[in-house]
């Protein structure tokens, strides 16, 4: 708790699911949380609830696929709190389907949000963290970033990419800039990701396994653990899934 208290933490995709749970939990631990997502009304409600519980939080409407939005988000955090200690790159989409369905617009969406969104977030905060000679970038991957199944080809590719980007960043920055990196790879979790699925086949499959999903607070606690470790300790990778998930 001592290492989390007072830290300035930007969280993307903070209007629901893992992002919302992380914002609430870190605020309870004394962090100053900066929430970002596209749904402004939802962000307003969450920030008000965090403040009502004694926490410190602000928000900015932002879309991770926009480099301009992400730069504005970083600048907003600096204006509010004077530094950026942690970025949680959480925003993501999962409209999975078989390749032969040819859902090319959904492939583009996954690449834009899941890969470019992560990169744009890194680009927004990295100069600040390098100047501070401290910082922590946490990227949300998935168990799909370790194994591929029918219907997950493109989604898995984006989450494999998140792992590659995060490990490359660690190798580049940890020795010189003291910037920590963490990959969090959730399994089936109670989020809105399944709402982005349009393939009838996948929707039918999901209805049979969604009851296995764990709380987003389970993922939030893993994020909090990585942040809370001493600055000389990098928690580089955590895979967390339901006990009953095959």
Protein backbone atom coordinates (compact mmCIF):
# COMPACT_ATOMS: atom_id res chain seq x y z
CA UNK A 1 0.00 0.00 0.00
CA UNK A 2 2.81 2.43 0.79
CA UNK A 3 4.17 2.27 -2.75
CA UNK A 4 0.75 2.90 -4.32
CA UNK A 5 -0.33 5.81 -2.15
CA UNK A 6 0.02 9.15 -3.92
CA UNK A 7 0.93 7.69 -7.31
CA UNK A 8 -0.66 9.24 -10.39
CA UNK A 9 -2.20 6.45 -12.46
CA UNK A 10 -3.75 6.84 -15.93
CA UNK A 11 -6.24 4.09 -16.81
CA UNK A 12 -7.70 3.66 -20.29
CA UNK A 13 -10.94 1.81 -20.88
CA UNK A 14 -11.93 2.96 -17.39
CA UNK A 15 -15.69 3.22 -17.92
CA UNK A 16 -16.36 -0.46 -17.12
CA UNK A 17 -14.89 -3.87 -16.38
CA UNK A 18 -11.22 -4.18 -15.49
CA UNK A 19 -10.54 -0.46 -15.97
CA UNK A 20 -13.33 0.61 -13.64
CA UNK A 21 -12.41 -2.00 -11.02
CA UNK A 22 -8.76 -0.94 -11.18
CA UNK A 23 -9.64 2.73 -10.77
CA UNK A 24 -11.80 2.04 -7.74
CA UNK A 25 -9.28 -0.28 -6.09
CA UNK A 26 -6.25 1.95 -6.64
CA UNK A 27 -8.17 4.99 -5.39
CA UNK A 28 -8.96 3.04 -2.22
CA UNK A 29 -5.23 2.44 -1.86
CA UNK A 30 -4.51 6.15 -2.08
CA UNK A 31 -3.56 6.57 -5.74
CA UNK A 32 -4.61 9.59 -7.77
CA UNK A 33 -6.44 8.03 -10.69
CA UNK A 34 -6.97 9.60 -14.10
CA UNK A 35 -9.79 7.80 -15.92
CA UNK A 36 -10.10 7.77 -19.69
CA UNK A 37 -12.68 6.24 -22.03
CA UNK A 38 -15.18 7.27 -24.69
CA UNK A 39 -18.30 7.20 -22.47
CA UNK A 40 -18.12 10.50 -20.65
CA UNK A 41 -21.29 10.11 -18.58
CA UNK A 42 -20.09 6.81 -17.22
CA UNK A 43 -16.70 8.33 -16.33
CA UNK A 44 -18.46 11.19 -14.53
CA UNK A 45 -20.44 8.73 -12.39
CA UNK A 46 -17.39 6.65 -11.47
CA UNK A 47 -15.30 9.69 -10.55
CA UNK A 48 -18.10 11.08 -8.39
CA UNK A 49 -18.43 7.73 -6.60
CA UNK A 50 -14.67 7.50 -6.01
CA UNK A 51 -14.60 11.04 -4.61
CA UNK A 52 -17.64 10.27 -2.46
CA UNK A 53 -15.72 7.38 -0.93
CA UNK A 54 -12.80 9.68 -0.12
CA UNK A 55 -10.62 8.92 -3.13
CA UNK A 56 -8.97 11.25 -5.61
CA UNK A 57 -9.97 10.96 -9.26
CA UNK A 58 -10.40 12.95 -12.45
CA UNK A 59 -11.41 11.96 -15.96
CA UNK A 60 -11.00 12.91 -19.59
CA UNK A 61 -12.99 11.61 -22.53
CA UNK A 62 -10.45 10.01 -24.87
CA UNK A 63 -10.22 7.42 -27.62
CA UNK A 64 -7.05 5.32 -27.61
CA UNK A 65 -7.02 5.06 -31.41
CA UNK A 66 -6.31 8.81 -31.57
CA UNK A 67 -2.72 9.90 -30.99
CA UNK A 68 -4.03 13.41 -30.34
CA UNK A 69 -6.43 12.18 -27.65
CA UNK A 70 -3.68 10.23 -25.90
CA UNK A 71 -1.31 13.18 -25.95
CA UNK A 72 -4.08 15.35 -24.48
CA UNK A 73 -4.67 12.71 -21.80
CA UNK A 74 -1.03 12.74 -20.73
CA UNK A 75 -1.00 16.53 -20.67
CA UNK A 76 -4.22 16.54 -18.65
CA UNK A 77 -2.67 14.25 -16.03
CA UNK A 78 0.37 16.53 -15.81
CA UNK A 79 -1.80 19.61 -15.43
CA UNK A 80 -3.83 17.95 -12.69
CA UNK A 81 -1.08 16.26 -10.71
CA UNK A 82 2.33 17.29 -12.06
CA UNK A 83 3.59 13.83 -12.97
CA UNK A 84 2.61 10.42 -14.38
CA UNK A 85 3.68 7.39 -12.38
CA UNK A 86 1.69 4.58 -13.99
CA UNK A 87 -0.16 3.98 -17.26
CA UNK A 88 -2.59 1.07 -17.39
CA UNK A 89 -3.24 0.37 -21.08
CA UNK A 90 -6.51 -1.46 -20.56
CA UNK A 91 -8.80 -0.46 -23.45
CA UNK A 92 -9.49 -3.36 -25.80
CA UNK A 93 -12.03 -5.04 -28.07
CA UNK A 94 -12.63 -8.70 -28.91
CA UNK A 95 -14.95 -9.20 -31.92
CA UNK A 96 -13.57 -12.69 -32.56
CA UNK A 97 -14.68 -14.84 -35.48
CA UNK A 98 -13.36 -17.43 -37.89
CA UNK A 99 -11.14 -16.01 -40.61
CA UNK A 100 -13.44 -17.33 -43.32
CA UNK A 101 -16.19 -14.98 -42.12
CA UNK A 102 -14.01 -12.22 -43.63
CA UNK A 103 -14.91 -9.62 -41.04
CA UNK A 104 -12.15 -7.30 -42.19
CA UNK A 105 -13.53 -4.19 -40.50
CA UNK A 106 -13.44 -6.04 -37.18
CA UNK A 107 -9.84 -7.10 -37.84
CA UNK A 108 -9.01 -3.43 -38.39
CA UNK A 109 -10.78 -2.47 -35.18
CA UNK A 110 -8.81 -5.00 -33.11
CA UNK A 111 -5.52 -3.87 -34.62
CA UNK A 112 -6.37 -0.21 -34.05
CA UNK A 113 -7.53 -0.53 -30.44
CA UNK A 114 -5.52 -3.47 -29.12
CA UNK A 115 -2.16 -2.70 -30.75
CA UNK A 116 -2.10 0.92 -31.89
CA UNK A 117 -3.97 2.01 -28.77
CA UNK A 118 -1.26 0.48 -26.61
CA UNK A 119 1.48 2.11 -28.68
CA UNK A 120 -0.21 5.51 -28.63
CA UNK A 121 -0.52 5.28 -24.85
CA UNK A 122 3.16 4.45 -24.52
CA UNK A 123 4.09 7.30 -26.85
CA UNK A 124 2.09 9.75 -24.74
CA UNK A 125 3.72 8.93 -21.40
CA UNK A 126 7.19 7.65 -22.28
CA UNK A 127 8.88 11.07 -22.65
CA UNK A 128 7.48 12.11 -19.25
CA UNK A 129 8.63 8.92 -17.55
CA UNK A 130 12.07 9.13 -19.14
CA UNK A 131 12.45 12.68 -17.83
CA UNK A 132 11.30 11.55 -14.37
CA UNK A 133 13.65 8.56 -14.56
CA UNK A 134 10.77 6.54 -13.17
CA UNK A 135 7.45 5.13 -14.24
CA UNK A 136 5.44 1.97 -14.79
CA UNK A 137 3.60 0.88 -17.93
CA UNK A 138 1.09 -1.94 -17.49
CA UNK A 139 -0.37 -3.47 -20.65
CA UNK A 140 -3.38 -5.76 -20.61
CA UNK A 141 -2.84 -8.79 -22.82
CA UNK A 142 -4.87 -12.01 -22.53
CA UNK A 143 -4.50 -15.75 -22.21
CA UNK A 144 -5.24 -15.55 -25.95
CA UNK A 145 -1.82 -13.94 -26.22
CA UNK A 146 -0.25 -17.27 -25.32
CA UNK A 147 -2.38 -19.73 -27.27
CA UNK A 148 -4.56 -19.65 -30.35
CA UNK A 149 -7.93 -21.30 -30.79
CA UNK A 150 -10.41 -21.39 -33.68
CA UNK A 151 -12.01 -17.93 -33.99
CA UNK A 152 -9.22 -16.17 -32.04
CA UNK A 153 -6.59 -15.78 -34.77
CA UNK A 154 -6.67 -11.99 -35.14
CA UNK A 155 -7.45 -11.27 -31.50
CA UNK A 156 -4.64 -13.58 -30.40
CA UNK A 157 -2.31 -11.86 -32.86
CA UNK A 158 -3.06 -8.49 -31.25
CA UNK A 159 -2.45 -9.86 -27.77
CA UNK A 160 0.78 -11.60 -28.83
CA UNK A 161 1.78 -8.15 -30.12
CA UNK A 162 1.03 -6.56 -26.74
CA UNK A 163 3.39 -9.05 -25.11
CA UNK A 164 6.12 -8.35 -27.68
CA UNK A 165 5.76 -4.59 -27.31
CA UNK A 166 5.87 -4.78 -23.52
CA UNK A 167 8.94 -7.01 -23.41
CA UNK A 168 10.71 -4.83 -25.98
CA UNK A 169 9.94 -1.76 -23.88
CA UNK A 170 11.30 -3.47 -20.78
CA UNK A 171 14.57 -4.28 -22.50
CA UNK A 172 14.92 -0.76 -23.87
CA UNK A 173 13.94 1.29 -20.83
CA UNK A 174 14.39 -0.65 -17.58
CA UNK A 175 18.20 -0.46 -17.39
CA UNK A 176 18.53 3.24 -18.22
CA UNK A 177 15.25 4.98 -17.40
CA UNK A 178 14.15 2.72 -14.53
CA UNK A 179 10.73 2.33 -16.15
CA UNK A 180 8.96 -0.84 -15.05
CA UNK A 181 6.74 -2.85 -17.37
CA UNK A 182 4.07 -5.42 -16.63
CA UNK A 183 1.99 -7.72 -18.83
CA UNK A 184 -1.35 -8.70 -17.27
CA UNK A 185 -3.01 -11.58 -19.13
CA UNK A 186 -6.59 -12.26 -17.97
CA UNK A 187 -8.63 -15.28 -18.79
CA UNK A 188 -12.43 -15.23 -18.85
CA UNK A 189 -13.46 -12.13 -16.89
CA UNK A 190 -16.77 -10.35 -16.30
CA UNK A 191 -16.35 -7.46 -18.73
CA UNK A 192 -18.11 -6.03 -21.76
CA UNK A 193 -15.66 -7.67 -24.19
CA UNK A 194 -18.17 -10.34 -25.19
CA UNK A 195 -20.58 -7.55 -26.18
CA UNK A 196 -18.22 -6.75 -29.07
CA UNK A 197 -18.67 -10.23 -30.57
CA UNK A 198 -20.88 -10.27 -33.68
CA UNK A 199 -20.21 -13.77 -34.98
CA UNK A 200 -23.27 -16.00 -34.28
CA UNK A 201 -21.00 -19.02 -33.84
CA UNK A 202 -18.86 -17.31 -31.22
CA UNK A 203 -21.88 -15.86 -29.44
CA UNK A 204 -23.26 -19.37 -29.05
CA UNK A 205 -19.94 -20.65 -27.74
CA UNK A 206 -19.61 -17.75 -25.30
CA UNK A 207 -23.00 -18.39 -23.78
CA UNK A 208 -21.74 -21.79 -22.58
CA UNK A 209 -18.54 -20.54 -20.90
CA UNK A 210 -19.44 -17.06 -19.64
CA UNK A 211 -20.55 -18.56 -16.31
CA UNK A 212 -16.88 -19.33 -15.61
CA UNK A 213 -15.91 -15.66 -15.63
CA UNK A 214 -14.18 -14.17 -12.61
CA UNK A 215 -14.65 -10.70 -11.18
CA UNK A 216 -12.71 -7.82 -12.76
CA UNK A 217 -11.51 -7.07 -9.24
CA UNK A 218 -9.40 -10.23 -9.46
CA UNK A 219 -7.52 -8.60 -12.33
CA UNK A 220 -7.44 -5.24 -10.54
CA UNK A 221 -5.78 -6.86 -7.54
CA UNK A 222 -3.07 -8.30 -9.81
CA UNK A 223 -2.47 -4.82 -11.24
CA UNK A 224 -2.33 -3.36 -7.75
CA UNK A 225 0.19 -6.00 -6.68
CA UNK A 226 2.51 -5.12 -9.58
CA UNK A 227 2.32 -1.41 -8.76
CA UNK A 228 2.78 -1.95 -5.05
CA UNK A 229 6.08 -3.81 -5.31
CA UNK A 230 9.21 -1.73 -4.52
CA UNK A 231 10.62 0.34 -7.38
CA UNK A 232 13.62 -1.98 -7.69
CA UNK A 233 11.29 -4.92 -8.40
CA UNK A 234 9.63 -5.47 -11.75
CA UNK A 235 6.63 -7.78 -11.88
CA UNK A 236 6.92 -8.44 -15.59
CA UNK A 237 4.14 -10.91 -16.31
CA UNK A 238 1.00 -12.24 -14.63
CA UNK A 239 -1.46 -14.74 -16.14
CA UNK A 240 -4.71 -14.89 -14.19
CA UNK A 241 -7.72 -16.98 -15.14
CA UNK A 242 -10.70 -18.76 -13.58
CA UNK A 243 -9.66 -21.94 -11.80
CA UNK A 244 -12.21 -23.87 -13.86
CA UNK A 245 -11.23 -22.40 -17.23
CA UNK A 246 -9.95 -25.19 -19.52
